[in-house]
Amino acid sequence: MTWEISLSKARFYAYHGVHPEEQLAGNWFEVSIRVQTSGIPEVPKALEETLDYGYLYQVAKCEMLKKEALIET
């Protein structure tokens, strides 16, 4: 079975931008992620059989901590 989860409108203060002042001052960014996976039972019976929203948030947070000139990177 294929599952899809999403993390919507997670907000991070980060230092991205082409201009030096953008990377110094920072700005708020909103991130939405959609993930598809398979291998999870149709009716999960244990936490280990589910997708971890907290882990997904931490991945997004780690990526937002990396300064990039283009947010699309």
N, C-alpha and C. Protein backbone atom coordinates (compact mmCIF):
# COMPACT_ATOMS: atom_id res chain seq x y z
N MET A 1 0.84 -1.18 0.00
CA MET A 1 0.00 0.00 0.00
C MET A 1 0.89 1.24 0.00
N THR A 2 0.48 2.26 -0.74
CA THR A 2 1.21 3.54 -0.78
C THR A 2 0.53 4.54 0.15
N TRP A 3 1.34 5.19 0.94
CA TRP A 3 0.86 6.22 1.86
C TRP A 3 1.41 7.56 1.43
N GLU A 4 0.66 8.61 1.72
CA GLU A 4 1.12 9.96 1.47
C GLU A 4 0.88 10.78 2.73
N ILE A 5 1.91 11.47 3.18
CA ILE A 5 1.75 12.39 4.31
C ILE A 5 2.23 13.76 3.86
N SER A 6 1.77 14.76 4.56
CA SER A 6 2.25 16.11 4.24
C SER A 6 2.48 16.90 5.52
N LEU A 7 3.45 17.75 5.43
CA LEU A 7 3.76 18.71 6.49
C LEU A 7 3.49 20.06 5.85
N SER A 8 2.53 20.78 6.37
CA SER A 8 2.10 22.03 5.74
C SER A 8 2.44 23.25 6.58
N LYS A 9 2.97 24.24 5.91
CA LYS A 9 3.20 25.56 6.48
C LYS A 9 4.10 25.57 7.71
N ALA A 10 5.15 24.75 7.68
CA ALA A 10 6.15 24.79 8.74
C ALA A 10 6.97 26.06 8.53
N ARG A 11 7.12 26.86 9.59
CA ARG A 11 7.81 28.15 9.45
C ARG A 11 9.20 28.08 10.06
N PHE A 12 10.16 28.65 9.32
CA PHE A 12 11.54 28.68 9.75
C PHE A 12 12.11 30.07 9.50
N TYR A 13 12.91 30.55 10.44
CA TYR A 13 13.65 31.79 10.21
C TYR A 13 15.01 31.36 9.68
N ALA A 14 15.35 31.82 8.49
CA ALA A 14 16.58 31.37 7.85
C ALA A 14 17.25 32.53 7.11
N TYR A 15 18.45 32.26 6.64
CA TYR A 15 19.28 33.29 6.04
C TYR A 15 19.61 32.94 4.59
N HIS A 16 18.62 32.99 3.73
CA HIS A 16 18.78 32.70 2.31
C HIS A 16 18.62 33.99 1.52
N GLY A 17 19.24 34.03 0.36
CA GLY A 17 19.06 35.16 -0.53
C GLY A 17 20.30 35.44 -1.34
N VAL A 18 20.09 36.10 -2.45
CA VAL A 18 21.18 36.46 -3.36
C VAL A 18 21.96 37.65 -2.81
N HIS A 19 21.26 38.58 -2.18
CA HIS A 19 21.89 39.82 -1.71
C HIS A 19 22.46 39.63 -0.30
N PRO A 20 23.61 40.23 -0.03
CA PRO A 20 24.25 40.08 1.29
C PRO A 20 23.32 40.45 2.45
N GLU A 21 22.52 41.51 2.25
CA GLU A 21 21.64 41.92 3.37
C GLU A 21 20.58 40.85 3.68
N GLU A 22 20.17 40.09 2.68
CA GLU A 22 19.22 39.00 2.92
C GLU A 22 19.85 37.91 3.78
N GLN A 23 21.11 37.63 3.54
CA GLN A 23 21.79 36.59 4.30
C GLN A 23 22.20 37.06 5.69
N LEU A 24 22.26 38.38 5.89
CA LEU A 24 22.57 38.92 7.21
C LEU A 24 21.32 39.07 8.06
N ALA A 25 20.28 39.63 7.49
CA ALA A 25 19.06 39.92 8.26
C ALA A 25 18.17 38.69 8.42
N GLY A 26 18.16 37.81 7.43
CA GLY A 26 17.28 36.65 7.48
C GLY A 26 15.84 37.01 7.17
N ASN A 27 15.03 35.99 7.11
CA ASN A 27 13.62 36.17 6.78
C ASN A 27 12.86 34.92 7.18
N TRP A 28 11.55 35.04 7.30
CA TRP A 28 10.70 33.89 7.57
C TRP A 28 10.39 33.16 6.26
N PHE A 29 10.45 31.84 6.32
CA PHE A 29 10.12 31.00 5.17
C PHE A 29 9.08 29.99 5.62
N GLU A 30 8.20 29.67 4.71
CA GLU A 30 7.16 28.67 4.97
C GLU A 30 7.42 27.47 4.06
N VAL A 31 7.45 26.30 4.64
CA VAL A 31 7.79 25.08 3.91
C VAL A 31 6.64 24.09 4.00
N SER A 32 6.26 23.55 2.86
CA SER A 32 5.28 22.47 2.81
C SER A 32 5.93 21.30 2.07
N ILE A 33 5.76 20.10 2.63
CA ILE A 33 6.38 18.90 2.07
C ILE A 33 5.32 17.82 1.92
N ARG A 34 5.39 17.11 0.80
CA ARG A 34 4.51 15.95 0.60
C ARG A 34 5.41 14.75 0.30
N VAL A 35 5.18 13.66 1.03
CA VAL A 35 6.00 12.46 0.91
C VAL A 35 5.10 11.27 0.62
N GLN A 36 5.53 10.45 -0.34
CA GLN A 36 4.85 9.19 -0.62
C GLN A 36 5.78 8.05 -0.27
N THR A 37 5.23 7.01 0.30
CA THR A 37 6.03 5.84 0.64
C THR A 37 5.18 4.59 0.52
N SER A 38 5.83 3.47 0.42
CA SER A 38 5.13 2.20 0.41
C SER A 38 5.77 1.31 1.46
N GLY A 39 5.16 0.19 1.72
CA GLY A 39 5.71 -0.73 2.71
C GLY A 39 5.09 -0.59 4.08
N ILE A 40 4.14 0.32 4.24
CA ILE A 40 3.45 0.47 5.51
C ILE A 40 2.14 -0.31 5.42
N PRO A 41 1.84 -1.08 6.45
CA PRO A 41 0.59 -1.86 6.41
C PRO A 41 -0.64 -0.95 6.24
N GLU A 42 -1.70 -1.51 5.69
CA GLU A 42 -2.93 -0.74 5.49
C GLU A 42 -3.46 -0.20 6.81
N VAL A 43 -3.37 -1.01 7.85
CA VAL A 43 -3.79 -0.58 9.19
C VAL A 43 -2.60 -0.78 10.13
N PRO A 44 -1.78 0.26 10.32
CA PRO A 44 -0.62 0.14 11.21
C PRO A 44 -1.06 -0.20 12.63
N LYS A 45 -0.32 -1.09 13.27
CA LYS A 45 -0.65 -1.51 14.63
C LYS A 45 0.39 -1.04 15.65
N ALA A 46 1.48 -0.48 15.17
CA ALA A 46 2.54 -0.01 16.06
C ALA A 46 3.12 1.29 15.51
N LEU A 47 3.66 2.10 16.38
CA LEU A 47 4.24 3.38 15.99
C LEU A 47 5.34 3.19 14.93
N GLU A 48 6.11 2.12 15.06
CA GLU A 48 7.20 1.86 14.11
C GLU A 48 6.69 1.59 12.70
N GLU A 49 5.42 1.31 12.54
CA GLU A 49 4.82 1.03 11.23
C GLU A 49 4.23 2.28 10.58
N THR A 50 4.46 3.43 11.17
CA THR A 50 3.89 4.68 10.65
C THR A 50 5.01 5.60 10.18
N LEU A 51 4.62 6.72 9.60
CA LEU A 51 5.58 7.75 9.20
C LEU A 51 5.72 8.76 10.34
N ASP A 52 6.93 9.23 10.55
CA ASP A 52 7.24 10.11 11.68
C ASP A 52 7.24 11.57 11.22
N TYR A 53 6.20 12.31 11.58
CA TYR A 53 6.10 13.73 11.21
C TYR A 53 7.23 14.54 11.85
N GLY A 54 7.62 14.17 13.05
CA GLY A 54 8.70 14.88 13.73
C GLY A 54 10.02 14.77 12.98
N TYR A 55 10.29 13.58 12.44
CA TYR A 55 11.51 13.38 11.65
C TYR A 55 11.44 14.21 10.37
N LEU A 56 10.30 14.23 9.73
CA LEU A 56 10.12 15.03 8.52
C LEU A 56 10.37 16.51 8.81
N TYR A 57 9.88 16.99 9.93
CA TYR A 57 10.11 18.38 10.35
C TYR A 57 11.61 18.63 10.56
N GLN A 58 12.30 17.69 11.22
CA GLN A 58 13.73 17.86 11.48
C GLN A 58 14.55 17.89 10.18
N VAL A 59 14.16 17.10 9.19
CA VAL A 59 14.83 17.13 7.89
C VAL A 59 14.67 18.51 7.27
N ALA A 60 13.45 19.04 7.29
CA ALA A 60 13.20 20.38 6.73
C ALA A 60 14.01 21.43 7.49
N LYS A 61 14.04 21.33 8.80
CA LYS A 61 14.77 22.29 9.62
C LYS A 61 16.27 22.27 9.29
N CYS A 62 16.85 21.08 9.15
CA CYS A 62 18.27 20.96 8.82
C CYS A 62 18.57 21.58 7.46
N GLU A 63 17.69 21.36 6.51
CA GLU A 63 17.90 21.93 5.17
C GLU A 63 17.79 23.46 5.21
N MET A 64 16.86 23.98 5.99
CA MET A 64 16.69 25.43 6.07
C MET A 64 17.85 26.11 6.79
N LEU A 65 18.59 25.39 7.60
CA LEU A 65 19.76 25.96 8.28
C LEU A 65 20.93 26.19 7.33
N LYS A 66 20.92 25.53 6.18
CA LYS A 66 21.98 25.70 5.19
C LYS A 66 21.73 26.97 4.39
N LYS A 67 22.64 27.92 4.48
CA LYS A 67 22.49 29.17 3.72
C LYS A 67 22.60 28.88 2.23
N GLU A 68 21.64 29.38 1.48
CA GLU A 68 21.64 29.21 0.03
C GLU A 68 21.27 30.54 -0.60
N ALA A 69 21.89 30.86 -1.73
CA ALA A 69 21.52 32.08 -2.45
C ALA A 69 20.11 31.93 -3.03
N LEU A 70 19.81 30.76 -3.57
CA LEU A 70 18.49 30.51 -4.14
C LEU A 70 17.76 29.49 -3.28
N ILE A 71 16.61 29.85 -2.79
CA ILE A 71 15.82 28.95 -1.95
C ILE A 71 15.43 27.67 -2.71
N GLU A 72 15.36 27.76 -4.04
CA GLU A 72 15.02 26.60 -4.84
C GLU A 72 16.10 25.50 -4.75
N THR A 73 17.29 25.89 -4.34
CA THR A 73 18.37 24.91 -4.17
C THR A 73 17.99 23.92 -3.11
